[in-house]
Amino acid sequence: MEEDPTSGDVRPLKSGKFKGALRKRVGRYRIVFSLNPSMNCVEIAAILVLTEKTYR
């Protein structure tokens, strides 16, 4: 994620408590993050293990 945080399986979240953030799929894990281009940084909100209740 240091080189290019939007590479790989990255999608925007459209509902739930992380609405508006992006999620990156890495195996069983989901990294929920947002980009701050003006500060050139990635803000990680959560690292979750995928279950049926992950994004609720």
PDB file of N, CA and C in Angstrom:
ATOM      1  N   MET A   1       0.816  -1.193   0.000  1.00  0.00           N
ATOM      2  CA  MET A   1       0.000   0.000   0.000  1.00  0.00           C
ATOM      3  C   MET A   1       0.863   1.261   0.000  1.00  0.00           C
ATOM      4  N   GLU A   2       2.096   1.138   0.362  1.00  0.00           N
ATOM      5  CA  GLU A   2       2.973   2.303   0.376  1.00  0.00           C
ATOM      6  C   GLU A   2       3.206   2.852  -1.029  1.00  0.00           C
ATOM      7  N   GLU A   3       3.395   1.974  -1.998  1.00  0.00           N
ATOM      8  CA  GLU A   3       3.652   2.392  -3.382  1.00  0.00           C
ATOM      9  C   GLU A   3       2.391   2.904  -4.075  1.00  0.00           C
ATOM     10  N   ASP A   4       1.336   2.089  -4.086  1.00  0.00           N
ATOM     11  CA  ASP A   4       0.088   2.433  -4.756  1.00  0.00           C
ATOM     12  C   ASP A   4      -1.083   1.817  -3.988  1.00  0.00           C
ATOM     13  N   PRO A   5      -1.738   2.563  -3.116  1.00  0.00           N
ATOM     14  CA  PRO A   5      -2.808   2.002  -2.284  1.00  0.00           C
ATOM     15  C   PRO A   5      -4.041   1.573  -3.072  1.00  0.00           C
ATOM     16  N   THR A   6      -4.194   2.027  -4.297  1.00  0.00           N
ATOM     17  CA  THR A   6      -5.382   1.662  -5.069  1.00  0.00           C
ATOM     18  C   THR A   6      -5.148   0.486  -6.009  1.00  0.00           C
ATOM     19  N   SER A   7      -3.977  -0.141  -5.935  1.00  0.00           N
ATOM     20  CA  SER A   7      -3.729  -1.302  -6.787  1.00  0.00           C
ATOM     21  C   SER A   7      -4.342  -2.545  -6.143  1.00  0.00           C
ATOM     22  N   GLY A   8      -4.652  -3.517  -6.976  1.00  0.00           N
ATOM     23  CA  GLY A   8      -5.245  -4.751  -6.467  1.00  0.00           C
ATOM     24  C   GLY A   8      -6.758  -4.650  -6.398  1.00  0.00           C
ATOM     25  N   ASP A   9      -7.348  -5.423  -5.518  1.00  0.00           N
ATOM     26  CA  ASP A   9      -8.807  -5.473  -5.385  1.00  0.00           C
ATOM     27  C   ASP A   9      -9.286  -4.403  -4.404  1.00  0.00           C
ATOM     28  N   VAL A  10      -9.457  -3.184  -4.895  1.00  0.00           N
ATOM     29  CA  VAL A  10      -9.895  -2.049  -4.074  1.00  0.00           C
ATOM     30  C   VAL A  10     -11.240  -1.576  -4.598  1.00  0.00           C
ATOM     31  N   ARG A  11     -12.186  -1.396  -3.672  1.00  0.00           N
ATOM     32  CA  ARG A  11     -13.518  -0.917  -4.054  1.00  0.00           C
ATOM     33  C   ARG A  11     -14.038   0.069  -3.016  1.00  0.00           C
ATOM     34  N   PRO A  12     -14.879   1.001  -3.434  1.00  0.00           N
ATOM     35  CA  PRO A  12     -15.489   1.923  -2.464  1.00  0.00           C
ATOM     36  C   PRO A  12     -16.609   1.223  -1.698  1.00  0.00           C
ATOM     37  N   LEU A  13     -16.771   1.588  -0.444  1.00  0.00           N
ATOM     38  CA  LEU A  13     -17.862   1.055   0.366  1.00  0.00           C
ATOM     39  C   LEU A  13     -19.042   2.016   0.258  1.00  0.00           C
ATOM     40  N   LYS A  14     -20.219   1.476  -0.028  1.00  0.00           N
ATOM     41  CA  LYS A  14     -21.383   2.311  -0.309  1.00  0.00           C
ATOM     42  C   LYS A  14     -22.390   2.374   0.829  1.00  0.00           C
ATOM     43  N   SER A  15     -22.221   1.534   1.847  1.00  0.00           N
ATOM     44  CA  SER A  15     -23.158   1.559   2.975  1.00  0.00           C
ATOM     45  C   SER A  15     -22.452   1.055   4.222  1.00  0.00           C
ATOM     46  N   GLY A  16     -23.154   1.077   5.333  1.00  0.00           N
ATOM     47  CA  GLY A  16     -22.586   0.623   6.591  1.00  0.00           C
ATOM     48  C   GLY A  16     -21.812   1.716   7.291  1.00  0.00           C
ATOM     49  N   LYS A  17     -21.128   1.346   8.357  1.00  0.00           N
ATOM     50  CA  LYS A  17     -20.441   2.367   9.150  1.00  0.00           C
ATOM     51  C   LYS A  17     -19.185   2.919   8.478  1.00  0.00           C
ATOM     52  N   PHE A  18     -18.696   2.252   7.443  1.00  0.00           N
ATOM     53  CA  PHE A  18     -17.520   2.733   6.710  1.00  0.00           C
ATOM     54  C   PHE A  18     -17.886   3.351   5.367  1.00  0.00           C
ATOM     55  N   LYS A  19     -19.123   3.781   5.212  1.00  0.00           N
ATOM     56  CA  LYS A  19     -19.592   4.367   3.954  1.00  0.00           C
ATOM     57  C   LYS A  19     -18.666   5.500   3.514  1.00  0.00           C
ATOM     58  N   GLY A  20     -18.285   5.472   2.250  1.00  0.00           N
ATOM     59  CA  GLY A  20     -17.414   6.506   1.699  1.00  0.00           C
ATOM     60  C   GLY A  20     -15.941   6.144   1.728  1.00  0.00           C
ATOM     61  N   ALA A  21     -15.576   5.117   2.489  1.00  0.00           N
ATOM     62  CA  ALA A  21     -14.182   4.685   2.554  1.00  0.00           C
ATOM     63  C   ALA A  21     -13.917   3.668   1.432  1.00  0.00           C
ATOM     64  N   LEU A  22     -12.692   3.281   1.307  1.00  0.00           N
ATOM     65  CA  LEU A  22     -12.296   2.250   0.353  1.00  0.00           C
ATOM     66  C   LEU A  22     -11.944   0.987   1.121  1.00  0.00           C
ATOM     67  N   ARG A  23     -12.090  -0.169   0.460  1.00  0.00           N
ATOM     68  CA  ARG A  23     -11.655  -1.411   1.082  1.00  0.00           C
ATOM     69  C   ARG A  23     -10.747  -2.151   0.129  1.00  0.00           C
ATOM     70  N   LYS A  24      -9.716  -2.743   0.690  1.00  0.00           N
ATOM     71  CA  LYS A  24      -8.773  -3.542  -0.092  1.00  0.00           C
ATOM     72  C   LYS A  24      -8.836  -4.967   0.429  1.00  0.00           C
ATOM     73  N   ARG A  25      -9.001  -5.917  -0.484  1.00  0.00           N
ATOM     74  CA  ARG A  25      -9.084  -7.319  -0.105  1.00  0.00           C
ATOM     75  C   ARG A  25      -7.688  -7.934  -0.150  1.00  0.00           C
ATOM     76  N   VAL A  26      -7.291  -8.536   0.974  1.00  0.00           N
ATOM     77  CA  VAL A  26      -6.002  -9.209   1.087  1.00  0.00           C
ATOM     78  C   VAL A  26      -6.261 -10.547   1.774  1.00  0.00           C
ATOM     79  N   GLY A  27      -6.483 -11.587   0.969  1.00  0.00           N
ATOM     80  CA  GLY A  27      -6.814 -12.896   1.538  1.00  0.00           C
ATOM     81  C   GLY A  27      -8.129 -12.834   2.302  1.00  0.00           C
ATOM     82  N   ARG A  28      -8.127 -13.305   3.554  1.00  0.00           N
ATOM     83  CA  ARG A  28      -9.325 -13.264   4.400  1.00  0.00           C
ATOM     84  C   ARG A  28      -9.543 -11.892   5.030  1.00  0.00           C
ATOM     85  N   TYR A  29      -8.588 -11.001   4.878  1.00  0.00           N
ATOM     86  CA  TYR A  29      -8.637  -9.707   5.547  1.00  0.00           C
ATOM     87  C   TYR A  29      -9.136  -8.613   4.617  1.00  0.00           C
ATOM     88  N   ARG A  30      -9.747  -7.606   5.220  1.00  0.00           N
ATOM     89  CA  ARG A  30     -10.177  -6.416   4.505  1.00  0.00           C
ATOM     90  C   ARG A  30      -9.559  -5.212   5.202  1.00  0.00           C
ATOM     91  N   ILE A  31      -8.896  -4.378   4.439  1.00  0.00           N
ATOM     92  CA  ILE A  31      -8.312  -3.148   4.971  1.00  0.00           C
ATOM     93  C   ILE A  31      -9.235  -2.016   4.546  1.00  0.00           C
ATOM     94  N   VAL A  32      -9.799  -1.329   5.516  1.00  0.00           N
ATOM     95  CA  VAL A  32     -10.706  -0.215   5.252  1.00  0.00           C
ATOM     96  C   VAL A  32      -9.885   1.059   5.441  1.00  0.00           C
ATOM     97  N   PHE A  33      -9.853   1.897   4.392  1.00  0.00           N
ATOM     98  CA  PHE A  33      -8.999   3.073   4.450  1.00  0.00           C
ATOM     99  C   PHE A  33      -9.578   4.211   3.631  1.00  0.00           C
ATOM    100  N   SER A  34      -9.014   5.390   3.837  1.00  0.00           N
ATOM    101  CA  SER A  34      -9.359   6.547   3.019  1.00  0.00           C
ATOM    102  C   SER A  34      -8.058   7.211   2.584  1.00  0.00           C
ATOM    103  N   LEU A  35      -8.124   7.904   1.475  1.00  0.00           N
ATOM    104  CA  LEU A  35      -6.955   8.592   0.930  1.00  0.00           C
ATOM    105  C   LEU A  35      -7.040  10.076   1.240  1.00  0.00           C
ATOM    106  N   ASN A  36      -5.912  10.662   1.550  1.00  0.00           N
ATOM    107  CA  ASN A  36      -5.818  12.094   1.767  1.00  0.00           C
ATOM    108  C   ASN A  36      -4.720  12.622   0.842  1.00  0.00           C
ATOM    109  N   PRO A  37      -5.087  12.916  -0.430  1.00  0.00           N
ATOM    110  CA  PRO A  37      -4.072  13.305  -1.411  1.00  0.00           C
ATOM    111  C   PRO A  37      -3.345  14.611  -1.076  1.00  0.00           C
ATOM    112  N   SER A  38      -4.003  15.533  -0.393  1.00  0.00           N
ATOM    113  CA  SER A  38      -3.341  16.805  -0.084  1.00  0.00           C
ATOM    114  C   SER A  38      -2.187  16.605   0.896  1.00  0.00           C
ATOM    115  N   MET A  39      -2.294  15.621   1.787  1.00  0.00           N
ATOM    116  CA  MET A  39      -1.223  15.327   2.740  1.00  0.00           C
ATOM    117  C   MET A  39      -0.383  14.139   2.282  1.00  0.00           C
ATOM    118  N   ASN A  40      -0.769  13.552   1.113  1.00  0.00           N
ATOM    119  CA  ASN A  40      -0.063  12.408   0.563  1.00  0.00           C
ATOM    120  C   ASN A  40       0.014  11.255   1.565  1.00  0.00           C
ATOM    121  N   CYS A  41      -1.169  10.900   2.138  1.00  0.00           N
ATOM    122  CA  CYS A  41      -1.181   9.816   3.117  1.00  0.00           C
ATOM    123  C   CYS A  41      -2.440   8.960   2.984  1.00  0.00           C
ATOM    124  N   VAL A  42      -2.360   7.779   3.570  1.00  0.00           N
ATOM    125  CA  VAL A  42      -3.457   6.818   3.622  1.00  0.00           C
ATOM    126  C   VAL A  42      -3.844   6.683   5.085  1.00  0.00           C
ATOM    127  N   GLU A  43      -5.130   6.852   5.391  1.00  0.00           N
ATOM    128  CA  GLU A  43      -5.614   6.714   6.760  1.00  0.00           C
ATOM    129  C   GLU A  43      -6.352   5.386   6.874  1.00  0.00           C
ATOM    130  N   ILE A  44      -5.810   4.462   7.653  1.00  0.00           N
ATOM    131  CA  ILE A  44      -6.422   3.151   7.822  1.00  0.00           C
ATOM    132  C   ILE A  44      -7.427   3.221   8.962  1.00  0.00           C
ATOM    133  N   ALA A  45      -8.689   2.870   8.650  1.00  0.00           N
ATOM    134  CA  ALA A  45      -9.758   2.903   9.652  1.00  0.00           C
ATOM    135  C   ALA A  45      -9.878   1.579  10.380  1.00  0.00           C
ATOM    136  N   ALA A  46      -9.648   0.458   9.673  1.00  0.00           N
ATOM    137  CA  ALA A  46      -9.799  -0.853  10.292  1.00  0.00           C
ATOM    138  C   ALA A  46      -9.144  -1.921   9.432  1.00  0.00           C
ATOM    139  N   ILE A  47      -8.730  -2.995  10.099  1.00  0.00           N
ATOM    140  CA  ILE A  47      -8.295  -4.215   9.419  1.00  0.00           C
ATOM    141  C   ILE A  47      -9.197  -5.308   9.973  1.00  0.00           C
ATOM    142  N   LEU A  48     -10.018  -5.882   9.091  1.00  0.00           N
ATOM    143  CA  LEU A  48     -11.065  -6.803   9.513  1.00  0.00           C
ATOM    144  C   LEU A  48     -10.858  -8.193   8.929  1.00  0.00           C
ATOM    145  N   VAL A  49     -11.252  -9.214   9.692  1.00  0.00           N
ATOM    146  CA  VAL A  49     -11.286 -10.587   9.186  1.00  0.00           C
ATOM    147  C   VAL A  49     -12.661 -10.776   8.569  1.00  0.00           C
ATOM    148  N   LEU A  50     -12.719 -11.269   7.349  1.00  0.00           N
ATOM    149  CA  LEU A  50     -13.983 -11.392   6.636  1.00  0.00           C
ATOM    150  C   LEU A  50     -14.911 -12.407   7.296  1.00  0.00           C
ATOM    151  N   THR A  51     -16.099 -11.934   7.682  1.00  0.00           N
ATOM    152  CA  THR A  51     -17.187 -12.768   8.158  1.00  0.00           C
ATOM    153  C   THR A  51     -18.457 -12.208   7.542  1.00  0.00           C
ATOM    154  N   GLU A  52     -19.584 -12.800   7.832  1.00  0.00           N
ATOM    155  CA  GLU A  52     -20.832 -12.261   7.256  1.00  0.00           C
ATOM    156  C   GLU A  52     -21.235 -10.930   7.898  1.00  0.00           C
ATOM    157  N   LYS A  53     -20.612 -10.550   9.004  1.00  0.00           N
ATOM    158  CA  LYS A  53     -20.934  -9.286   9.689  1.00  0.00           C
ATOM    159  C   LYS A  53     -19.818  -8.255   9.582  1.00  0.00           C
ATOM    160  N   THR A  54     -18.874  -8.447   8.686  1.00  0.00           N
ATOM    161  CA  THR A  54     -17.689  -7.595   8.621  1.00  0.00           C
ATOM    162  C   THR A  54     -17.998  -6.113   8.455  1.00  0.00           C
ATOM    163  N   TYR A  55     -18.872  -5.741   7.537  1.00  0.00           N
ATOM    164  CA  TYR A  55     -19.086  -4.324   7.233  1.00  0.00           C
ATOM    165  C   TYR A  55     -20.303  -3.729   7.934  1.00  0.00           C
ATOM    166  N   ARG A  56     -20.911  -4.426   8.861  1.00  0.00           N
ATOM    167  CA  ARG A  56     -22.135  -3.924   9.520  1.00  0.00           C
ATOM    168  C   ARG A  56     -21.865  -3.235  10.803  1.00  0.00           C
TER     169      ARG A  56
END
